[in-house]
Amino acid sequence: MSASLGPRLSFIKFRGGADAGIDYAALQNKLSSFQIEKLTFFFKQFFDANGDGVVDSKDFIVLNEKLRKISGWEKNTEEFLRLVDNNYVFLECLLDQVKVERNKFAEGLENRTWEEALAPNKLTVESVTLNQWLNMWARLCDGAAGINDFPIWVQIIPQIMFAVQEAKNKKGIITKDCLRNFYSDFAGLKGDELEKVTQAGFDTMTANGDYELNLDNYKLLFANYLLGRTIYGPGKFIFGCFDNSDLDKKYEIILE
């Protein structure tokens, strides 16, 4: 019998439902169900901005504009142009990563002749599916202990998200008002739920005000968002819209 911390969650039941063609049982070897939920949300609600089931260049046109409105930047400002450039770099690296993994795990590679192996590679990748996305993160998270263990292009993401939320404050930190605005504009939280989650999120991410929510601390939180296996990590408040039952229940120990 072993003890583990956190709720017992199904690998095929999380917000948004299961998606056909994804082997959740195989992902379980690398990711917890809560990680799958968070990464699926990240794919569907953040990157797949037009909702067509894949992430490609068209999504970033929509995403850039959505983040611009949240930040309050004008289209010709240096900050927005930097956002566009960073997102372009991220997309190119994401597509390259998926291409490498498709080559690495393609069937029959071990049986190629020298001529076939040395021939120009005509494989092109222009979009990323949810299945490719989850399997990519399963490999990237394997053995990672912090944000510095991820490729540079992954480390771009928290820089982008921090800049967008801190834009109206311009003090180099995310305040509670910044967090509230992001939860409202991006996650769609409203009313009492918005206030409750904002307070809980800000208290958790700042250790009840002992630390400022600056870029360095935000990177640590983003790493926990990717690597945290249960609902008890502070990284889940990056978006604020996941299982927050721990706000009303005692810490649970599950015996298996």
C-alpha atoms as a PDB file:
ATOM      1  CA  MET A   1       0.000   0.000   0.000  1.00  0.00           C
ATOM      2  CA  SER A   2       1.336   3.430  -0.899  1.00  0.00           C
ATOM      3  CA  ALA A   3       0.167   6.929  -0.135  1.00  0.00           C
ATOM      4  CA  SER A   4      -0.117   9.704  -2.697  1.00  0.00           C
ATOM      5  CA  LEU A   5      -1.275  13.269  -2.353  1.00  0.00           C
ATOM      6  CA  GLY A   6      -4.140  14.737  -4.313  1.00  0.00           C
ATOM      7  CA  PRO A   7      -7.508  13.743  -5.720  1.00  0.00           C
ATOM      8  CA  ARG A   8      -8.113  10.522  -7.615  1.00  0.00           C
ATOM      9  CA  LEU A   9      -8.885  11.652 -11.150  1.00  0.00           C
ATOM     10  CA  SER A  10      -9.886   9.693 -14.254  1.00  0.00           C
ATOM     11  CA  PHE A  11      -7.535   9.730 -17.226  1.00  0.00           C
ATOM     12  CA  ILE A  12     -10.448  10.092 -19.616  1.00  0.00           C
ATOM     13  CA  LYS A  13     -12.598  12.570 -17.707  1.00  0.00           C
ATOM     14  CA  PHE A  14     -11.535  16.166 -17.376  1.00  0.00           C
ATOM     15  CA  ARG A  15     -12.848  19.552 -18.420  1.00  0.00           C
ATOM     16  CA  GLY A  16     -13.447  19.402 -22.168  1.00  0.00           C
ATOM     17  CA  GLY A  17     -13.937  15.636 -22.226  1.00  0.00           C
ATOM     18  CA  ALA A  18     -11.853  12.953 -23.880  1.00  0.00           C
ATOM     19  CA  ASP A  19     -10.567  13.349 -27.432  1.00  0.00           C
ATOM     20  CA  ALA A  20     -10.644  10.527 -29.937  1.00  0.00           C
ATOM     21  CA  GLY A  21      -7.321   9.106 -31.030  1.00  0.00           C
ATOM     22  CA  ILE A  22      -5.413   9.927 -27.842  1.00  0.00           C
ATOM     23  CA  ASP A  23      -3.936   7.063 -25.861  1.00  0.00           C
ATOM     24  CA  TYR A  24      -4.436   8.367 -22.337  1.00  0.00           C
ATOM     25  CA  ALA A  25      -3.300   5.067 -20.819  1.00  0.00           C
ATOM     26  CA  ALA A  26       0.110   5.495 -22.477  1.00  0.00           C
ATOM     27  CA  LEU A  27       0.334   9.132 -21.357  1.00  0.00           C
ATOM     28  CA  GLN A  28      -0.304   7.999 -17.781  1.00  0.00           C
ATOM     29  CA  ASN A  29       3.241   6.632 -17.680  1.00  0.00           C
ATOM     30  CA  LYS A  30       4.611  10.186 -17.981  1.00  0.00           C
ATOM     31  CA  LEU A  31       1.840  12.604 -16.985  1.00  0.00           C
ATOM     32  CA  SER A  32      -0.767  12.686 -14.229  1.00  0.00           C
ATOM     33  CA  SER A  33      -4.416  13.211 -15.103  1.00  0.00           C
ATOM     34  CA  PHE A  34      -4.203  16.756 -13.755  1.00  0.00           C
ATOM     35  CA  GLN A  35      -1.206  17.502 -15.966  1.00  0.00           C
ATOM     36  CA  ILE A  36      -3.159  16.209 -18.948  1.00  0.00           C
ATOM     37  CA  GLU A  37      -6.075  18.453 -17.983  1.00  0.00           C
ATOM     38  CA  LYS A  38      -3.830  21.514 -17.711  1.00  0.00           C
ATOM     39  CA  LEU A  39      -1.945  20.825 -20.944  1.00  0.00           C
ATOM     40  CA  THR A  40      -5.192  20.148 -22.794  1.00  0.00           C
ATOM     41  CA  PHE A  41      -6.585  23.458 -21.564  1.00  0.00           C
ATOM     42  CA  PHE A  42      -3.361  25.160 -22.651  1.00  0.00           C
ATOM     43  CA  PHE A  43      -3.781  23.689 -26.137  1.00  0.00           C
ATOM     44  CA  LYS A  44      -7.507  24.304 -26.573  1.00  0.00           C
ATOM     45  CA  GLN A  45      -8.056  27.595 -24.776  1.00  0.00           C
ATOM     46  CA  PHE A  46      -4.727  29.370 -25.257  1.00  0.00           C
ATOM     47  CA  PHE A  47      -3.042  28.224 -28.456  1.00  0.00           C
ATOM     48  CA  ASP A  48      -5.898  26.815 -30.589  1.00  0.00           C
ATOM     49  CA  ALA A  49      -7.381  30.297 -30.746  1.00  0.00           C
ATOM     50  CA  ASN A  50      -9.727  29.614 -33.679  1.00  0.00           C
ATOM     51  CA  GLY A  51     -10.929  26.292 -32.253  1.00  0.00           C
ATOM     52  CA  ASP A  52     -10.255  24.127 -35.311  1.00  0.00           C
ATOM     53  CA  GLY A  53      -8.514  21.363 -33.350  1.00  0.00           C
ATOM     54  CA  VAL A  54      -4.933  22.111 -34.408  1.00  0.00           C
ATOM     55  CA  VAL A  55      -2.354  24.783 -33.594  1.00  0.00           C
ATOM     56  CA  ASP A  56      -0.959  26.575 -36.631  1.00  0.00           C
ATOM     57  CA  SER A  57      -0.027  30.036 -37.889  1.00  0.00           C
ATOM     58  CA  LYS A  58      -3.688  31.105 -38.194  1.00  0.00           C
ATOM     59  CA  ASP A  59      -4.140  30.658 -34.449  1.00  0.00           C
ATOM     60  CA  PHE A  60      -1.366  33.091 -33.648  1.00  0.00           C
ATOM     61  CA  ILE A  61      -3.059  35.870 -35.592  1.00  0.00           C
ATOM     62  CA  VAL A  62      -6.068  35.476 -33.287  1.00  0.00           C
ATOM     63  CA  LEU A  63      -3.968  34.892 -30.166  1.00  0.00           C
ATOM     64  CA  ASN A  64      -1.767  37.938 -30.743  1.00  0.00           C
ATOM     65  CA  GLU A  65      -4.799  40.175 -31.033  1.00  0.00           C
ATOM     66  CA  LYS A  66      -6.425  38.661 -27.944  1.00  0.00           C
ATOM     67  CA  LEU A  67      -3.287  39.202 -25.864  1.00  0.00           C
ATOM     68  CA  ARG A  68      -2.905  42.712 -27.279  1.00  0.00           C
ATOM     69  CA  LYS A  69      -6.364  43.658 -26.049  1.00  0.00           C
ATOM     70  CA  ILE A  70      -5.687  42.231 -22.590  1.00  0.00           C
ATOM     71  CA  SER A  71      -2.404  44.138 -22.340  1.00  0.00           C
ATOM     72  CA  GLY A  72      -3.765  47.382 -23.743  1.00  0.00           C
ATOM     73  CA  TRP A  73      -0.911  47.712 -26.240  1.00  0.00           C
ATOM     74  CA  GLU A  74      -1.381  49.513 -29.548  1.00  0.00           C
ATOM     75  CA  LYS A  75      -0.518  47.585 -32.697  1.00  0.00           C
ATOM     76  CA  ASN A  76       2.524  49.718 -33.492  1.00  0.00           C
ATOM     77  CA  THR A  77       4.095  49.622 -30.027  1.00  0.00           C
ATOM     78  CA  GLU A  78       7.438  47.982 -29.370  1.00  0.00           C
ATOM     79  CA  GLU A  79       5.854  45.685 -26.785  1.00  0.00           C
ATOM     80  CA  PHE A  80       3.266  44.286 -29.187  1.00  0.00           C
ATOM     81  CA  LEU A  81       5.791  43.836 -32.009  1.00  0.00           C
ATOM     82  CA  ARG A  82       8.009  41.934 -29.568  1.00  0.00           C
ATOM     83  CA  LEU A  83       5.042  39.752 -28.619  1.00  0.00           C
ATOM     84  CA  VAL A  84       4.413  38.928 -32.286  1.00  0.00           C
ATOM     85  CA  ASP A  85       8.091  38.105 -32.838  1.00  0.00           C
ATOM     86  CA  ASN A  86       8.281  35.898 -29.751  1.00  0.00           C
ATOM     87  CA  ASN A  87       5.133  34.016 -30.694  1.00  0.00           C
ATOM     88  CA  TYR A  88       6.500  33.476 -34.200  1.00  0.00           C
ATOM     89  CA  VAL A  89       9.701  32.006 -32.770  1.00  0.00           C
ATOM     90  CA  PHE A  90       7.679  29.778 -30.436  1.00  0.00           C
ATOM     91  CA  LEU A  91       5.526  28.451 -33.286  1.00  0.00           C
ATOM     92  CA  GLU A  92       8.524  27.707 -35.505  1.00  0.00           C
ATOM     93  CA  CYS A  93      10.271  25.851 -32.687  1.00  0.00           C
ATOM     94  CA  LEU A  94       7.070  23.986 -31.783  1.00  0.00           C
ATOM     95  CA  LEU A  95       6.651  22.785 -35.381  1.00  0.00           C
ATOM     96  CA  ASP A  96      10.327  21.804 -35.538  1.00  0.00           C
ATOM     97  CA  GLN A  97       9.989  19.840 -32.301  1.00  0.00           C
ATOM     98  CA  VAL A  98       6.983  17.911 -33.606  1.00  0.00           C
ATOM     99  CA  LYS A  99       8.790  17.268 -36.888  1.00  0.00           C
ATOM    100  CA  VAL A 100      11.818  15.861 -35.059  1.00  0.00           C
ATOM    101  CA  GLU A 101       9.609  13.593 -32.965  1.00  0.00           C
ATOM    102  CA  ARG A 102       7.680  12.371 -36.006  1.00  0.00           C
ATOM    103  CA  ASN A 103      10.968  11.461 -37.657  1.00  0.00           C
ATOM    104  CA  LYS A 104      12.307   9.841 -34.508  1.00  0.00           C
ATOM    105  CA  PHE A 105       9.265   7.658 -33.895  1.00  0.00           C
ATOM    106  CA  ALA A 106       8.247   7.020 -37.508  1.00  0.00           C
ATOM    107  CA  GLU A 107       7.644   3.374 -38.287  1.00  0.00           C
ATOM    108  CA  GLY A 108      10.207   1.552 -40.390  1.00  0.00           C
ATOM    109  CA  LEU A 109      13.123   3.929 -39.857  1.00  0.00           C
ATOM    110  CA  GLU A 110      15.284   1.103 -38.604  1.00  0.00           C
ATOM    111  CA  ASN A 111      14.839  -0.698 -41.939  1.00  0.00           C
ATOM    112  CA  ARG A 112      15.901   2.168 -44.219  1.00  0.00           C
ATOM    113  CA  THR A 113      18.792   1.791 -46.610  1.00  0.00           C
ATOM    114  CA  TRP A 114      21.721   4.250 -46.492  1.00  0.00           C
ATOM    115  CA  GLU A 115      20.348   5.880 -49.631  1.00  0.00           C
ATOM    116  CA  GLU A 116      16.945   6.360 -48.012  1.00  0.00           C
ATOM    117  CA  ALA A 117      18.444   7.637 -44.772  1.00  0.00           C
ATOM    118  CA  LEU A 118      20.626  10.200 -46.561  1.00  0.00           C
ATOM    119  CA  ALA A 119      17.936  11.363 -48.975  1.00  0.00           C
ATOM    120  CA  PRO A 120      16.508  14.889 -48.431  1.00  0.00           C
ATOM    121  CA  ASN A 121      13.743  14.891 -45.864  1.00  0.00           C
ATOM    122  CA  LYS A 122      10.541  16.130 -47.466  1.00  0.00           C
ATOM    123  CA  LEU A 123       8.446  15.902 -44.313  1.00  0.00           C
ATOM    124  CA  THR A 124       6.802  19.216 -43.511  1.00  0.00           C
ATOM    125  CA  VAL A 125       4.843  20.041 -40.388  1.00  0.00           C
ATOM    126  CA  GLU A 126       2.514  23.032 -40.510  1.00  0.00           C
ATOM    127  CA  SER A 127       0.224  22.275 -37.569  1.00  0.00           C
ATOM    128  CA  VAL A 128       0.134  20.425 -34.264  1.00  0.00           C
ATOM    129  CA  THR A 129      -2.685  18.169 -33.064  1.00  0.00           C
ATOM    130  CA  LEU A 130      -3.685  17.662 -29.435  1.00  0.00           C
ATOM    131  CA  ASN A 131      -2.257  14.141 -29.545  1.00  0.00           C
ATOM    132  CA  GLN A 132       1.109  15.408 -30.787  1.00  0.00           C
ATOM    133  CA  TRP A 133       0.996  18.211 -28.216  1.00  0.00           C
ATOM    134  CA  LEU A 134       0.392  15.906 -25.242  1.00  0.00           C
ATOM    135  CA  ASN A 135       2.992  13.367 -26.321  1.00  0.00           C
ATOM    136  CA  MET A 136       5.525  16.151 -26.863  1.00  0.00           C
ATOM    137  CA  TRP A 137       4.978  17.494 -23.341  1.00  0.00           C
ATOM    138  CA  ALA A 138       5.145  13.976 -21.902  1.00  0.00           C
ATOM    139  CA  ARG A 139       8.687  13.710 -23.242  1.00  0.00           C
ATOM    140  CA  LEU A 140       9.694  17.288 -22.383  1.00  0.00           C
ATOM    141  CA  CYS A 141       8.439  16.952 -18.787  1.00  0.00           C
ATOM    142  CA  ASP A 142      10.123  13.597 -18.266  1.00  0.00           C
ATOM    143  CA  GLY A 143      13.059  14.237 -15.933  1.00  0.00           C
ATOM    144  CA  ALA A 144      12.513  18.016 -15.813  1.00  0.00           C
ATOM    145  CA  ALA A 145      12.707  19.650 -12.374  1.00  0.00           C
ATOM    146  CA  GLY A 146      12.323  23.329 -13.274  1.00  0.00           C
ATOM    147  CA  ILE A 147      11.897  25.828 -16.078  1.00  0.00           C
ATOM    148  CA  ASN A 148      15.604  25.746 -16.973  1.00  0.00           C
ATOM    149  CA  ASP A 149      15.299  22.062 -17.860  1.00  0.00           C
ATOM    150  CA  PHE A 150      13.030  22.940 -20.781  1.00  0.00           C
ATOM    151  CA  PRO A 151      14.202  24.163 -24.205  1.00  0.00           C
ATOM    152  CA  ILE A 152      14.673  27.916 -24.623  1.00  0.00           C
ATOM    153  CA  TRP A 153      11.582  28.158 -26.811  1.00  0.00           C
ATOM    154  CA  VAL A 154       9.443  26.792 -23.959  1.00  0.00           C
ATOM    155  CA  GLN A 155      10.940  29.389 -21.619  1.00  0.00           C
ATOM    156  CA  ILE A 156       9.581  32.086 -23.944  1.00  0.00           C
ATOM    157  CA  ILE A 157       5.999  31.288 -22.898  1.00  0.00           C
ATOM    158  CA  PRO A 158       6.080  32.612 -19.296  1.00  0.00           C
ATOM    159  CA  GLN A 159       7.902  35.725 -20.510  1.00  0.00           C
ATOM    160  CA  ILE A 160       5.064  36.421 -22.950  1.00  0.00           C
ATOM    161  CA  MET A 161       2.332  35.748 -20.403  1.00  0.00           C
ATOM    162  CA  PHE A 162       4.025  37.848 -17.733  1.00  0.00           C
ATOM    163  CA  ALA A 163       4.510  40.811 -20.088  1.00  0.00           C
ATOM    164  CA  VAL A 164       0.841  40.746 -21.103  1.00  0.00           C
ATOM    165  CA  GLN A 165      -0.437  40.728 -17.510  1.00  0.00           C
ATOM    166  CA  GLU A 166       2.052  43.273 -16.204  1.00  0.00           C
ATOM    167  CA  ALA A 167       1.585  45.659 -19.158  1.00  0.00           C
ATOM    168  CA  LYS A 168      -0.947  48.006 -17.567  1.00  0.00           C
ATOM    169  CA  ASN A 169       0.921  48.058 -14.269  1.00  0.00           C
ATOM    170  CA  LYS A 170       4.386  48.767 -15.746  1.00  0.00           C
ATOM    171  CA  LYS A 171       6.103  48.141 -12.419  1.00  0.00           C
ATOM    172  CA  GLY A 172       7.715  44.816 -13.244  1.00  0.00           C
ATOM    173  CA  ILE A 173       5.277  42.835 -11.098  1.00  0.00           C
ATOM    174  CA  ILE A 174       1.833  41.290 -11.460  1.00  0.00           C
ATOM    175  CA  THR A 175      -0.488  42.857  -8.900  1.00  0.00           C
ATOM    176  CA  LYS A 176      -3.769  41.432  -7.678  1.00  0.00           C
ATOM    177  CA  ASP A 177      -5.603  43.757 -10.063  1.00  0.00           C
ATOM    178  CA  CYS A 178      -3.473  42.471 -12.964  1.00  0.00           C
ATOM    179  CA  LEU A 179      -4.322  38.906 -12.035  1.00  0.00           C
ATOM    180  CA  ARG A 180      -8.024  39.706 -11.689  1.00  0.00           C
ATOM    181  CA  ASN A 181      -8.090  41.307 -15.128  1.00  0.00           C
ATOM    182  CA  PHE A 182      -6.373  38.298 -16.705  1.00  0.00           C
ATOM    183  CA  TYR A 183      -8.715  35.818 -15.033  1.00  0.00           C
ATOM    184  CA  SER A 184     -11.692  37.846 -16.214  1.00  0.00           C
ATOM    185  CA  ASP A 185     -10.547  38.557 -19.768  1.00  0.00           C
ATOM    186  CA  PHE A 186      -8.905  35.225 -20.537  1.00  0.00           C
ATOM    187  CA  ALA A 187     -10.428  32.560 -18.281  1.00  0.00           C
ATOM    188  CA  GLY A 188     -13.872  34.180 -18.238  1.00  0.00           C
ATOM    189  CA  LEU A 189     -14.290  34.147 -14.464  1.00  0.00           C
ATOM    190  CA  LYS A 190     -16.969  36.515 -13.158  1.00  0.00           C
ATOM    191  CA  GLY A 191     -18.586  37.789  -9.968  1.00  0.00           C
ATOM    192  CA  ASP A 192     -17.952  36.062  -6.656  1.00  0.00           C
ATOM    193  CA  GLU A 193     -15.956  33.258  -8.294  1.00  0.00           C
ATOM    194  CA  LEU A 194     -13.607  35.791  -9.863  1.00  0.00           C
ATOM    195  CA  GLU A 195     -12.989  37.521  -6.542  1.00  0.00           C
ATOM    196  CA  LYS A 196     -12.536  34.246  -4.628  1.00  0.00           C
ATOM    197  CA  VAL A 197     -10.094  32.732  -7.124  1.00  0.00           C
ATOM    198  CA  THR A 198      -8.192  36.002  -7.548  1.00  0.00           C
ATOM    199  CA  GLN A 199      -7.654  36.320  -3.808  1.00  0.00           C
ATOM    200  CA  ALA A 200      -6.685  32.662  -3.439  1.00  0.00           C
ATOM    201  CA  GLY A 201      -4.455  32.769  -6.503  1.00  0.00           C
ATOM    202  CA  PHE A 202      -2.629  35.921  -5.493  1.00  0.00           C
ATOM    203  CA  ASP A 203      -2.154  34.741  -1.904  1.00  0.00           C
ATOM    204  CA  THR A 204      -0.843  31.379  -3.080  1.00  0.00           C
ATOM    205  CA  MET A 205       1.492  32.759  -5.741  1.00  0.00           C
ATOM    206  CA  THR A 206       2.949  35.419  -3.427  1.00  0.00           C
ATOM    207  CA  ALA A 207       3.040  33.287  -0.239  1.00  0.00           C
ATOM    208  CA  ASN A 208       0.435  35.585   1.322  1.00  0.00           C
ATOM    209  CA  GLY A 209       2.267  38.694   0.198  1.00  0.00           C
ATOM    210  CA  ASP A 210       5.757  37.695   1.341  1.00  0.00           C
ATOM    211  CA  TYR A 211       7.047  37.723  -2.251  1.00  0.00           C
ATOM    212  CA  GLU A 212       6.363  39.928  -5.236  1.00  0.00           C
ATOM    213  CA  LEU A 213       5.013  38.270  -8.346  1.00  0.00           C
ATOM    214  CA  ASN A 214       7.923  39.295 -10.547  1.00  0.00           C
ATOM    215  CA  LEU A 215       9.167  37.550 -13.679  1.00  0.00           C
ATOM    216  CA  ASP A 216      11.576  35.221 -11.876  1.00  0.00           C
ATOM    217  CA  ASN A 217       8.861  34.006  -9.513  1.00  0.00           C
ATOM    218  CA  TYR A 218       6.355  33.750 -12.363  1.00  0.00           C
ATOM    219  CA  LYS A 219       8.750  31.423 -14.223  1.00  0.00           C
ATOM    220  CA  LEU A 220       8.857  29.166 -11.160  1.00  0.00           C
ATOM    221  CA  LEU A 221       5.062  29.111 -11.072  1.00  0.00           C
ATOM    222  CA  PHE A 222       4.853  28.340 -14.779  1.00  0.00           C
ATOM    223  CA  ALA A 223       7.225  25.405 -14.290  1.00  0.00           C
ATOM    224  CA  ASN A 224       4.903  24.147 -11.559  1.00  0.00           C
ATOM    225  CA  TYR A 225       1.977  24.556 -13.964  1.00  0.00           C
ATOM    226  CA  LEU A 226       3.719  22.175 -16.354  1.00  0.00           C
ATOM    227  CA  LEU A 227       5.172  19.765 -13.785  1.00  0.00           C
ATOM    228  CA  GLY A 228       2.683  19.852 -10.888  1.00  0.00           C
ATOM    229  CA  ARG A 229       0.924  16.491 -10.722  1.00  0.00           C
ATOM    230  CA  THR A 230      -1.908  17.374  -8.289  1.00  0.00           C
ATOM    231  CA  ILE A 231      -4.251  20.278  -7.593  1.00  0.00           C
ATOM    232  CA  TYR A 232      -2.165  21.360  -4.607  1.00  0.00           C
ATOM    233  CA  GLY A 233       0.603  23.169  -6.530  1.00  0.00           C
ATOM    234  CA  PRO A 234       0.588  26.990  -6.891  1.00  0.00           C
ATOM    235  CA  GLY A 235       1.111  26.779 -10.665  1.00  0.00           C
ATOM    236  CA  LYS A 236      -2.528  25.903 -11.295  1.00  0.00           C
ATOM    237  CA  PHE A 237      -3.345  29.557 -10.587  1.00  0.00           C
ATOM    238  CA  ILE A 238      -1.551  30.628 -13.779  1.00  0.00           C
ATOM    239  CA  PHE A 239      -5.022  30.503 -15.363  1.00  0.00           C
ATOM    240  CA  GLY A 240      -7.131  30.107 -12.233  1.00  0.00           C
ATOM    241  CA  CYS A 241      -9.816  27.927 -13.802  1.00  0.00           C
ATOM    242  CA  PHE A 242      -8.933  24.419 -12.645  1.00  0.00           C
ATOM    243  CA  ASP A 243     -10.067  22.280  -9.740  1.00  0.00           C
ATOM    244  CA  ASN A 244     -10.044  24.636  -6.756  1.00  0.00           C
ATOM    245  CA  SER A 245     -11.835  22.281  -4.373  1.00  0.00           C
ATOM    246  CA  ASP A 246      -8.775  22.453  -2.120  1.00  0.00           C
ATOM    247  CA  LEU A 247      -9.884  25.967  -1.176  1.00  0.00           C
ATOM    248  CA  ASP A 248     -12.828  24.474   0.712  1.00  0.00           C
ATOM    249  CA  LYS A 249     -11.565  21.002   1.663  1.00  0.00           C
ATOM    250  CA  LYS A 250      -8.791  19.724   3.874  1.00  0.00           C
ATOM    251  CA  TYR A 251      -5.587  18.384   2.332  1.00  0.00           C
ATOM    252  CA  GLU A 252      -6.193  14.771   1.333  1.00  0.00           C
ATOM    253  CA  ILE A 253      -3.936  11.714   1.465  1.00  0.00           C
ATOM    254  CA  ILE A 254      -4.989   8.905  -0.861  1.00  0.00           C
ATOM    255  CA  LEU A 255      -4.076   5.330   0.066  1.00  0.00           C
ATOM    256  CA  GLU A 256      -3.533   2.982  -2.864  1.00  0.00           C
END
